Each structure stands twice: as structure tokens, then as C-alpha cells.
Protein backbone atom coordinates (compact mmCIF):
# COMPACT_ATOMS: atom_id res chain seq x y z
CA MET A 1 63.96 14.83 -20.04
CA VAL A 2 67.35 13.11 -20.18
CA ASN A 3 70.82 14.56 -19.61
CA ILE A 4 73.78 12.93 -21.37
CA VAL A 5 77.06 13.59 -19.56
CA HIS A 6 80.34 13.32 -21.46
CA ILE A 7 83.70 15.06 -21.08
CA ASN A 8 84.28 15.97 -24.72
CA LEU A 9 82.64 14.54 -27.84
CA ASN A 10 85.38 16.10 -29.97
CA ALA A 11 87.85 13.42 -28.83
CA ARG A 12 86.05 11.16 -31.35
CA GLY A 13 87.04 7.84 -29.85
CA GLY A 14 85.12 4.75 -28.86
CA SER A 15 83.40 6.32 -25.85
CA GLU A 16 82.23 9.21 -28.03
CA ARG A 17 80.74 6.76 -30.52
CA LEU A 18 78.89 5.16 -27.61
CA ALA A 19 77.57 8.55 -26.46
CA LEU A 20 76.24 9.32 -29.94
CA ALA A 21 74.64 5.88 -30.24
CA THR A 22 73.02 6.41 -26.84
CA ILE A 23 71.47 9.66 -28.05
CA ARG A 24 70.19 7.82 -31.10
CA ALA A 25 68.77 5.04 -28.91
CA LEU A 26 66.82 7.56 -26.83
CA LYS A 27 65.41 9.39 -29.87
CA GLU A 28 64.28 6.08 -31.40
CA VAL A 29 62.20 4.96 -28.42
CA ASN A 30 58.88 4.62 -30.25
CA ASP A 31 56.32 5.65 -27.63
CA MET A 32 58.34 8.32 -25.82
CA ASP A 33 59.14 11.87 -26.89
CA ILE A 34 62.43 12.38 -25.08
CA ASP A 35 64.21 15.72 -24.87
CA ILE A 36 67.97 15.34 -24.57
CA ASP A 37 70.47 17.76 -23.03
CA LEU A 38 74.25 17.35 -23.08
CA THR A 39 76.56 18.37 -20.23
CA THR A 40 80.18 18.56 -21.34
CA LEU A 41 83.47 20.38 -20.84
CA GLN A 42 83.75 21.45 -24.48
CA LYS A 43 81.21 22.48 -27.10
CA PRO A 44 80.82 19.77 -29.75
CA ASP A 45 82.51 20.54 -33.08
CA VAL A 46 79.83 19.43 -35.52
CA HIS A 47 82.17 19.32 -38.53
CA LYS A 48 84.76 17.16 -36.75
CA ILE A 49 82.11 14.79 -35.47
CA GLU A 50 80.51 14.43 -38.90
CA GLY A 51 83.96 13.91 -40.45
CA THR A 52 84.65 10.99 -38.11
CA TYR A 53 81.22 9.40 -37.68
CA GLY A 54 79.41 10.49 -40.81
CA LYS A 55 75.75 11.51 -41.03
CA THR A 56 74.67 9.31 -38.10
CA GLY A 57 77.03 11.23 -35.83
CA LEU A 58 75.77 14.54 -37.19
CA MET A 59 72.14 13.51 -36.65
CA ALA A 60 72.89 12.52 -33.06
CA VAL A 61 74.40 15.92 -32.28
CA CYS A 62 71.46 17.66 -33.98
CA ASN A 63 69.09 15.75 -31.66
CA ILE A 64 70.61 17.45 -28.61
CA ASN A 65 68.16 20.00 -27.26
CA ARG A 66 70.61 22.03 -25.16
CA VAL A 67 74.39 21.90 -24.68
CA ASN A 68 75.56 22.80 -21.18
CA VAL A 69 79.26 23.64 -21.38
CA ILE A 70 80.89 23.63 -17.95
CA PRO A 71 84.45 24.89 -17.27
CA SER A 72 85.24 22.10 -14.79
CA ILE A 73 83.49 19.41 -12.77
CA GLU A 74 83.09 21.80 -9.84
CA LYS A 75 82.00 25.09 -11.44
CA VAL A 76 78.38 24.18 -12.04
CA HIS A 77 74.87 25.17 -11.00
CA LEU A 78 71.94 22.91 -10.21
CA LYS A 79 69.31 24.14 -12.61
CA LYS A 80 67.09 21.47 -14.15
CA ASN A 81 65.20 18.39 -13.07
CA TYR A 82 65.89 15.33 -15.23
CA ASP A 83 64.04 12.04 -15.40
CA LEU A 84 67.29 10.28 -16.20
CA ILE A 85 70.98 11.16 -16.27
CA ILE A 86 73.31 9.04 -18.39
CA ASN A 87 77.05 9.37 -17.94
CA THR A 88 78.57 7.85 -21.08
CA HIS A 89 82.09 8.68 -19.88
CA GLY A 90 81.98 6.83 -16.58
CA ASP A 91 85.57 5.64 -16.89
CA MET A 92 86.86 9.23 -16.62
CA PHE A 93 84.15 11.67 -15.52
CA PRO A 94 83.54 11.85 -11.71
CA PHE A 95 80.03 13.26 -12.07
CA SER A 96 77.88 12.94 -8.95
CA GLN A 97 75.14 14.99 -7.33
CA LYS A 98 72.82 14.69 -4.36
CA GLY A 99 69.82 12.54 -5.21
CA PHE A 100 71.60 10.21 -7.61
CA SER A 101 70.45 6.60 -7.37
CA LYS A 102 70.26 3.39 -9.37
CA ASP A 103 66.72 4.43 -10.37
CA ASN A 104 67.60 7.71 -12.05
CA VAL A 105 71.23 7.50 -13.19
CA ILE A 106 72.99 5.23 -15.67
CA THR A 107 76.79 5.20 -15.69
CA TYR A 108 78.54 3.50 -18.58
CA CYS A 109 81.94 2.69 -17.08
CA HIS A 110 84.29 1.39 -19.76
CA PHE A 111 86.84 0.68 -17.00
CA PRO A 112 87.28 2.23 -13.50
CA LEU A 113 90.21 4.28 -14.79
CA ALA A 114 89.54 7.58 -13.02
CA LYS A 115 90.01 6.04 -9.58
CA TYR A 116 93.49 4.85 -10.53
CA LEU A 117 94.44 8.17 -12.16
CA ILE A 118 93.36 10.04 -9.05
CA GLU A 119 95.25 7.69 -6.73
CA VAL A 120 98.54 8.26 -8.62
CA GLU A 121 97.77 12.02 -8.77
CA ASN A 122 97.96 12.12 -12.54
CA GLU A 123 98.44 15.79 -13.45
CA GLU A 124 97.15 15.49 -17.02
CA TYR A 125 93.91 14.00 -15.74
CA SER A 126 93.42 16.72 -13.13
CA ARG A 127 93.90 19.42 -15.78
CA LEU A 128 91.33 17.65 -17.97
CA ILE A 129 88.53 17.63 -15.39
CA TYR A 130 89.36 20.90 -13.60
CA GLY A 131 90.52 22.94 -16.58
CA GLN A 132 93.58 24.28 -14.80
CA ARG A 133 96.97 23.48 -13.33
CA PHE A 134 97.28 23.68 -9.52
CA SER A 135 100.43 25.36 -8.14
CA ASP A 136 99.50 24.78 -4.51
CA ILE A 137 100.09 21.11 -3.66
CA VAL A 138 97.67 21.23 -0.73
CA GLU A 139 94.91 22.62 -2.93
CA TYR A 140 95.78 20.08 -5.63
CA LYS A 141 95.38 17.15 -3.25
CA LYS A 142 92.16 18.62 -1.88
CA HIS A 143 90.63 18.78 -5.33
CA LEU A 144 91.73 15.25 -6.18
CA HIS A 145 90.25 13.98 -2.92
CA SER A 146 86.96 15.64 -3.86
CA ALA A 147 87.08 14.06 -7.33
CA ARG A 148 87.81 10.64 -5.83
CA ASN A 149 84.78 10.86 -3.51
CA ALA A 150 82.55 12.03 -6.36
CA TYR A 151 83.68 9.13 -8.53
CA ILE A 152 83.01 6.55 -5.82
CA ASP A 153 79.58 8.07 -5.12
CA MET A 154 78.76 8.06 -8.83
CA ILE A 155 79.58 4.38 -9.29
CA LYS A 156 77.82 3.25 -6.13
CA ASN A 157 74.70 5.36 -6.73
CA SER A 158 73.88 4.52 -10.32
CA THR A 159 72.98 1.65 -12.60
CA VAL A 160 76.39 0.70 -13.94
CA LEU A 161 76.88 -0.68 -17.44
CA THR A 162 80.21 -1.82 -18.83
CA ASN A 163 81.73 -3.23 -22.00
CA SER A 164 83.10 -6.71 -21.15
CA GLU A 165 83.47 -9.39 -18.50
CA TYR A 166 87.04 -8.15 -18.09
CA SER A 167 85.79 -4.69 -17.11
CA ARG A 168 82.90 -6.06 -15.04
CA LYS A 169 85.36 -7.98 -12.87
CA ALA A 170 87.58 -4.91 -12.50
CA ILE A 171 84.61 -2.80 -11.37
CA HIS A 172 83.57 -5.44 -8.86
CA LYS A 173 87.10 -5.74 -7.52
CA THR A 174 87.42 -1.96 -7.18
CA PHE A 175 83.98 -1.08 -5.79
CA THR A 176 82.44 -4.45 -4.77
CA ILE A 177 79.35 -3.70 -6.86
CA ASP A 178 77.72 -5.58 -9.72
CA SER A 179 77.47 -4.10 -13.19
CA THR A 180 75.78 -5.22 -16.39
CA VAL A 181 77.74 -6.01 -19.54
CA LEU A 182 76.40 -4.17 -22.57
CA SER A 183 78.93 -4.29 -25.39
CA PRO A 184 79.57 -0.91 -27.06
CA PRO A 185 78.18 -0.17 -30.53
CA VAL A 186 80.20 -0.83 -33.68
CA ASP A 187 79.06 -0.16 -37.27
CA VAL A 188 79.90 -3.73 -38.26
CA ASP A 189 77.64 -3.79 -41.33
CA LEU A 190 79.22 -0.61 -42.67
CA PHE A 191 82.73 -2.10 -42.44
CA ARG A 192 81.59 -5.40 -43.96
CA LYS A 193 80.02 -3.66 -46.94
CA ALA A 194 82.71 -1.01 -47.45
CA VAL A 195 85.74 -3.28 -46.98
CA LEU A 196 85.14 -7.03 -46.66
CA PHE A 197 82.82 -7.30 -49.67
CA SER A 198 84.15 -4.30 -51.58
CA SER A 199 85.05 -4.78 -55.23
CA THR A 200 88.11 -2.56 -54.65
CA ASN A 201 89.40 -4.81 -51.89
CA VAL A 202 92.99 -5.71 -52.83
CA ARG A 203 94.89 -6.63 -49.69
CA ASP A 204 98.63 -6.20 -49.47
CA ASP A 205 100.99 -7.75 -46.90
CA THR A 206 100.30 -4.78 -44.63
CA ILE A 207 99.68 -4.59 -40.89
CA LEU A 208 97.31 -1.88 -39.70
CA VAL A 209 97.44 -0.28 -36.24
CA ILE A 210 94.55 2.04 -35.30
CA SER A 211 95.03 4.07 -32.16
CA ARG A 212 94.79 7.58 -30.79
CA PHE A 213 98.30 8.97 -30.38
CA HIS A 214 98.68 8.97 -26.60
CA PRO A 215 101.31 7.38 -24.30
CA SER A 216 98.60 5.32 -22.59
CA LYS A 217 98.00 3.47 -25.88
CA LYS A 218 101.54 1.97 -25.91
CA ILE A 219 102.05 2.47 -29.65
CA GLU A 220 105.77 1.91 -29.14
CA ASN A 221 104.90 -1.80 -28.75
CA ALA A 222 103.87 -1.83 -32.41
CA ILE A 223 107.22 -0.35 -33.41
CA ARG A 224 109.14 -2.91 -31.35
CA LEU A 225 107.15 -5.65 -33.05
CA ALA A 226 107.81 -4.11 -36.47
CA GLU A 227 111.54 -4.45 -35.87
CA LEU A 228 111.16 -8.21 -35.32
CA LEU A 229 108.82 -8.60 -38.27
CA LYS A 230 111.23 -6.87 -40.63
CA GLN A 231 114.14 -8.97 -39.36
CA ASN A 232 112.13 -12.12 -40.07
CA GLY A 233 110.89 -10.97 -43.47
CA ILE A 234 107.23 -11.00 -42.40
CA ALA A 235 104.84 -8.52 -44.02
CA ARG A 236 105.80 -5.63 -46.24
CA SER A 237 104.77 -2.70 -44.09
CA MET A 238 103.03 -1.45 -40.96
CA LYS A 239 100.75 1.58 -41.04
CA ILE A 240 99.90 3.33 -37.77
CA VAL A 241 96.72 5.39 -38.03
CA GLY A 242 95.11 7.67 -35.46
CA ASN A 243 93.97 11.05 -34.25
CA LEU A 244 96.63 13.41 -32.94
CA SER A 245 95.90 16.35 -30.63
CA PRO A 246 98.33 19.31 -30.37
CA ARG A 247 99.19 18.28 -26.80
CA MET A 248 100.50 14.93 -28.02
CA ILE A 249 103.00 16.28 -30.57
CA GLY A 250 105.85 15.37 -28.21
CA TYR A 251 104.75 11.73 -28.02
CA TYR A 252 104.27 11.59 -31.80
CA THR A 253 107.78 12.98 -32.30
CA TYR A 254 109.14 10.34 -29.92
CA LEU A 255 107.48 7.59 -31.99
CA LYS A 256 108.89 8.95 -35.27
CA GLU A 257 112.38 9.13 -33.77
CA MET A 258 111.98 5.56 -32.54
CA VAL A 259 111.19 4.44 -36.10
CA GLN A 260 114.28 6.23 -37.42
CA ASP A 261 116.56 4.87 -34.68
CA LYS A 262 115.46 1.31 -35.48
CA HIS A 263 115.92 1.89 -39.22
CA LEU A 264 112.24 1.21 -39.92
CA SER A 265 111.40 4.23 -42.06
CA ASP A 266 110.88 1.94 -45.06
CA TYR A 267 108.59 -0.35 -43.04
CA VAL A 268 106.58 1.80 -40.58
CA THR A 269 104.57 4.85 -41.66
CA PHE A 270 102.14 7.11 -39.81
CA GLN A 271 98.75 8.40 -40.98
CA VAL A 272 97.48 11.23 -38.76
CA ASN A 273 93.91 12.55 -38.45
CA VAL A 274 92.70 10.69 -41.53
CA SER A 275 89.14 10.91 -42.80
CA PHE A 276 86.79 7.99 -42.34
CA ASN A 277 86.91 7.23 -46.06
CA LYS A 278 90.70 7.15 -45.94
CA LEU A 279 90.53 4.72 -43.01
CA LEU A 280 88.29 2.43 -45.06
CA SER A 281 90.77 2.60 -47.93
CA LEU A 282 93.63 1.62 -45.61
CA MET A 283 91.60 -1.32 -44.32
CA CYS A 284 91.01 -2.49 -47.89
CA GLU A 285 94.77 -2.58 -48.42
CA SER A 286 95.64 -4.45 -45.18
CA LYS A 287 95.58 -8.07 -44.11
CA VAL A 288 96.26 -7.88 -40.36
CA TYR A 289 95.18 -5.62 -37.53
CA PHE A 290 97.58 -5.32 -34.57
CA HIS A 291 96.55 -3.99 -31.17
CA PRO A 292 99.51 -2.77 -29.10
CA LEU A 293 97.89 -2.25 -25.67
CA PRO A 294 97.64 -5.09 -23.11
CA GLY A 295 94.61 -4.78 -20.86
CA GLU A 296 92.33 -3.00 -23.34
CA PRO A 297 88.88 -3.05 -21.68
CA PHE A 298 87.07 -3.90 -24.94
CA GLY A 299 88.67 -2.82 -28.21
CA ILE A 300 86.25 -1.11 -30.58
CA SER A 301 88.92 -0.66 -33.25
CA THR A 302 89.60 -4.39 -33.01
CA VAL A 303 85.93 -5.17 -33.72
CA GLU A 304 85.89 -2.65 -36.58
CA ALA A 305 88.93 -4.30 -38.13
CA MET A 306 87.46 -7.79 -37.71
CA SER A 307 84.21 -6.60 -39.29
CA ALA A 308 86.28 -5.44 -42.26
CA GLY A 309 87.88 -8.87 -42.60
CA LEU A 310 91.27 -8.07 -41.12
CA ILE A 311 92.78 -10.78 -38.94
CA PRO A 312 93.27 -9.40 -35.40
CA VAL A 313 96.46 -10.04 -33.42
CA VAL A 314 96.02 -8.84 -29.85
CA PRO A 315 97.60 -9.17 -26.37
CA GLY A 316 96.30 -12.07 -24.30
CA LEU A 317 94.98 -9.70 -21.62
CA GLY A 318 91.87 -7.56 -21.92
CA GLY A 319 88.29 -7.56 -23.10
CA HIS A 320 89.21 -8.46 -26.66
CA THR A 321 90.27 -11.93 -25.50
CA GLU A 322 86.54 -12.65 -25.17
CA PHE A 323 86.02 -12.54 -28.95
CA VAL A 324 89.43 -12.80 -30.69
CA PRO A 325 90.39 -16.43 -31.49
CA LEU A 326 93.06 -17.82 -29.16
CA ARG A 327 95.49 -18.50 -32.01
CA TYR A 328 95.70 -14.74 -32.63
CA GLN A 329 96.41 -13.76 -29.02
CA PHE A 330 99.97 -13.31 -27.73
CA CYS A 331 101.89 -12.84 -24.50
CA THR A 332 105.33 -12.11 -25.99
CA PHE A 333 106.55 -10.34 -29.11
CA ILE A 334 107.83 -13.66 -30.46
CA GLU A 335 104.31 -15.09 -30.16
CA ALA A 336 102.96 -11.98 -31.90
CA VAL A 337 105.37 -12.52 -34.80
CA GLU A 338 104.21 -16.13 -35.13
CA SER A 339 100.52 -15.11 -35.03
CA ILE A 340 101.02 -12.44 -37.68
CA ALA A 341 102.85 -14.89 -39.94
CA ILE A 342 99.81 -17.21 -39.71
CA ALA A 343 97.36 -14.32 -40.18
CA MET A 344 99.07 -13.18 -43.38
CA ASP A 345 98.08 -16.46 -45.05
CA ALA A 346 94.44 -16.42 -43.89
CA SER A 347 91.93 -17.38 -46.58
CA PHE A 348 88.99 -15.22 -47.59
CA SER A 349 86.62 -17.73 -45.99
CA GLU A 350 88.43 -17.28 -42.68
CA ARG A 351 88.15 -13.51 -43.01
CA ILE A 352 84.39 -13.93 -43.47
CA ARG A 353 84.20 -16.14 -40.35
CA ILE A 354 86.15 -13.52 -38.38
CA SER A 355 83.76 -10.82 -39.58
CA ASP A 356 80.66 -12.91 -38.87
CA SER A 357 81.82 -13.56 -35.31
CA VAL A 358 81.52 -9.90 -34.29
CA ARG A 359 78.15 -9.06 -35.84
CA LYS A 360 76.68 -9.33 -32.32
CA PHE A 361 78.43 -6.02 -31.52
CA SER A 362 76.35 -4.07 -34.04
CA THR A 363 74.99 -0.63 -33.29
CA SER A 364 71.43 -1.94 -33.70
CA ASN A 365 72.02 -4.54 -30.97
CA TYR A 366 73.42 -1.89 -28.64
CA ILE A 367 70.46 0.42 -29.30
CA LYS A 368 67.92 -2.36 -28.70
CA HIS A 369 69.41 -3.47 -25.39
CA PHE A 370 70.09 0.05 -24.13
CA GLN A 371 66.49 1.05 -24.88
CA GLN A 372 65.26 -1.83 -22.71
CA ILE A 373 67.34 -0.58 -19.77
CA ALA A 374 66.50 3.11 -20.23
CA ARG A 375 62.78 2.48 -20.82
CA LYS A 376 62.46 0.65 -17.52
CA LEU A 377 63.99 3.57 -15.61
CA LEU A 378 62.06 6.24 -17.52
CA ILE A 379 58.73 4.51 -16.95
CA SER A 380 59.56 4.22 -13.27
CA ALA A 381 60.48 7.91 -13.14
CA THR A 382 57.19 8.86 -14.78
CA LYS A 383 55.15 6.78 -12.38
CA THR A 384 56.83 8.07 -9.24
CA ASN A 385 57.06 11.67 -10.53
CA THR A 386 60.63 12.01 -9.27
CA LYS A 387 61.13 15.44 -7.73
CA ASN A 388 64.55 15.34 -6.16
CA LEU A 389 66.80 14.48 -9.10
CA LYS A 390 68.72 17.47 -10.44
CA SER A 391 71.58 17.68 -12.91
CA VAL A 392 74.44 20.11 -13.12
CA SER A 393 74.00 22.77 -15.73
CA PRO A 394 75.70 26.17 -16.03
CA ILE A 395 73.94 29.38 -16.81
CA VAL A 396 74.10 29.53 -20.60
CA SER A 397 73.20 32.68 -22.49
């Protein structure tokens, strides 16, 4: 039996796609009948997940045997023995229990973000993992100290996977441990078929930005760039697309006011909580993908866009520098303007080369390599008849 650990599948971002692909990988192990539980802070919304990830996402959720919804990382009960625990949210979820080891726990750490959020006493993060706001500062610090210790224990007592050399080096620098690079899954063939080779593909001089609306994503960088692009007569429009949660309305309002203040209402538009089919349509209409965040650990949306034949223009810091051509990387906004001007004139053959270059990040490749890692641990667990490993699980009626 395997327990998948993830904060909230309803966030529907890159880490959630990885969690769903991991479930699929486990169910497709040919000679093993694996039961899968999910431990999470929020019950999965099947309709939202299907709307974002399609039938493959729905099938993954349907393959979950039991959903253990916990109110916080502390209010849990040890209840079941698991052969393997897989934390697919190891960048954020400080999930550790007695008996964890590299032989029975896999942690996919996209980037060691939680440690930094805890060190700066980020209040939003503490509310996320504890489900409450602390009025007592002493109690608040005590809980954060506990979370910090749990996170360190989790990383040091598990087999750690990560998404890029950039993240692997950050994990080593932070914890002095080695991790294995396993690039996250991307439906590259789907984007190639639906966009790159689509008969309805008529690209306009449009720049596409795909990002969840959150201050950490630095979407304001895209708006600052748009101001320079408009001044230089480059491109016709910029479309910013992403999921928006009710808690981020303030940030979204700030971005809209920024567009108005810079007189960009005729150049920059927002598309909020769009369907997957609508996203594909927007890709068909766009020539360039712009990523606004320096230091992105990997960049799944970048790979999706490249698969679809969009030319990526990205900061020269982060995991995406390992697969985006150097001519489309920038350090300053002026360099970004120059790269976008070049990208606008890219030929169809170059778009095909860009798409071909990221086929290695396919979901099938992720599933194959993850199965090799998981199989080794599961076979070992079966042979040794592990008795001490237990996972958190609340009492569910």
C-alpha cells in the first residue's frame, strides 16, 4: 500500500500535475497491484481537477482508494502501515514521522521553499499548513520551529527527487544531501497535436503569459515589460492567463490598476480561470511565451508553451535555463525586449525545433523513470516485510 501526500490537489498547478502522474505511474506498474491512499489538507474537487487536467486527471483521482483529509500538519493520527510514502509536495509540505527513511519514503522537492518561508516567518504559509492564524507570538514561533524540524527530518530521511540541476544544487546547499533529478511530467504530445500541428493554428503578434495569480509569481514584471514593448512597437498584445483564488483578489486588483496607470489597457488583457480548451485556443493565437519569474525551479508552463510551438523568453536564472536556448534568455528588460523582437519573426521550422527539444519531458518518460525508482523500494519493502513505517491518517467516517 502506498500513501501519496499532497497539500491540496485543487490548486491545479505543476506540482498537482506531478502528483496525478505519480498516481498513474503506480497504477500502471504491470506486476504489482498497488492500493493508493491520499493524505491532504483539502478534499479533491473532482470537477475542477477534470476541468484542468482532463480525463487523465479524473482517472488518477478515481484510482485513489482512500482520501485522508487532515485539518493541519499536526492534527493527525497514526493509523495505517504503508509500504511506501510519497510526498509529491516536498517543496511546501513538512511531512515527517518516526520510522521514515530513504528506503520507505520518496520526497519530490521542487525546491526547498518551505525552509525559507519558515525562516522568514511567512504568515500565509503558516496559515496554509496549520489551518489557522496564531494570535500568540510565542505559540506562533513554537509551531514554526516544529514545522522547520519536521521539514529538515523529512528531507534528510527520504529518497529525494527534484526537477532540475538548479534545484538539486539548492537542495544540496541547504541540506548537504544528494538528490536525483527527475524532470516533472508534461503532456508534450497533447500540446504538439492540439496547437503546433493544428489546422486552426493562426498565430498573431501576441505574447502569452501563463501563471497563477500570486505575488510570488512576479506577474508585475510582465506588465513592466509590456510598457517597453508598446513603446517600441513590438507585438500587438500581451495576454496574461492563470488561476485566481478568492484570497488573491487584492493582488489581481493591483495588477489591473498597474495596467491602467501605465496606459496599457489596449495592450495587456487578463484571462482568469480559463478552461483547458480555452488555454489551447490562446496558444494557437500566440507567437511568444514570456515567463516573468527569475529563479523558477523548472517551469512546466514554459515546457507546455514550447511543446505548442511558442518561442519562450525567460529570465537567465532558474531551471528553465537548462532547456531554453540562450538567445531567448534575458537578464534585463531591455534584453527581454530584444529577445521578443527576434522571437516574433521565428519561422515554423524553428517552432518545430523548439517543440522537439522538450519531448524528453513527456509524461510517459516521467512515468517510466518514476516506476523504476518506486519499484526498487516496493520490492525491498516486500522482502523485508517492513513493520515500523506508519503514515498519518485521521479518523474518517
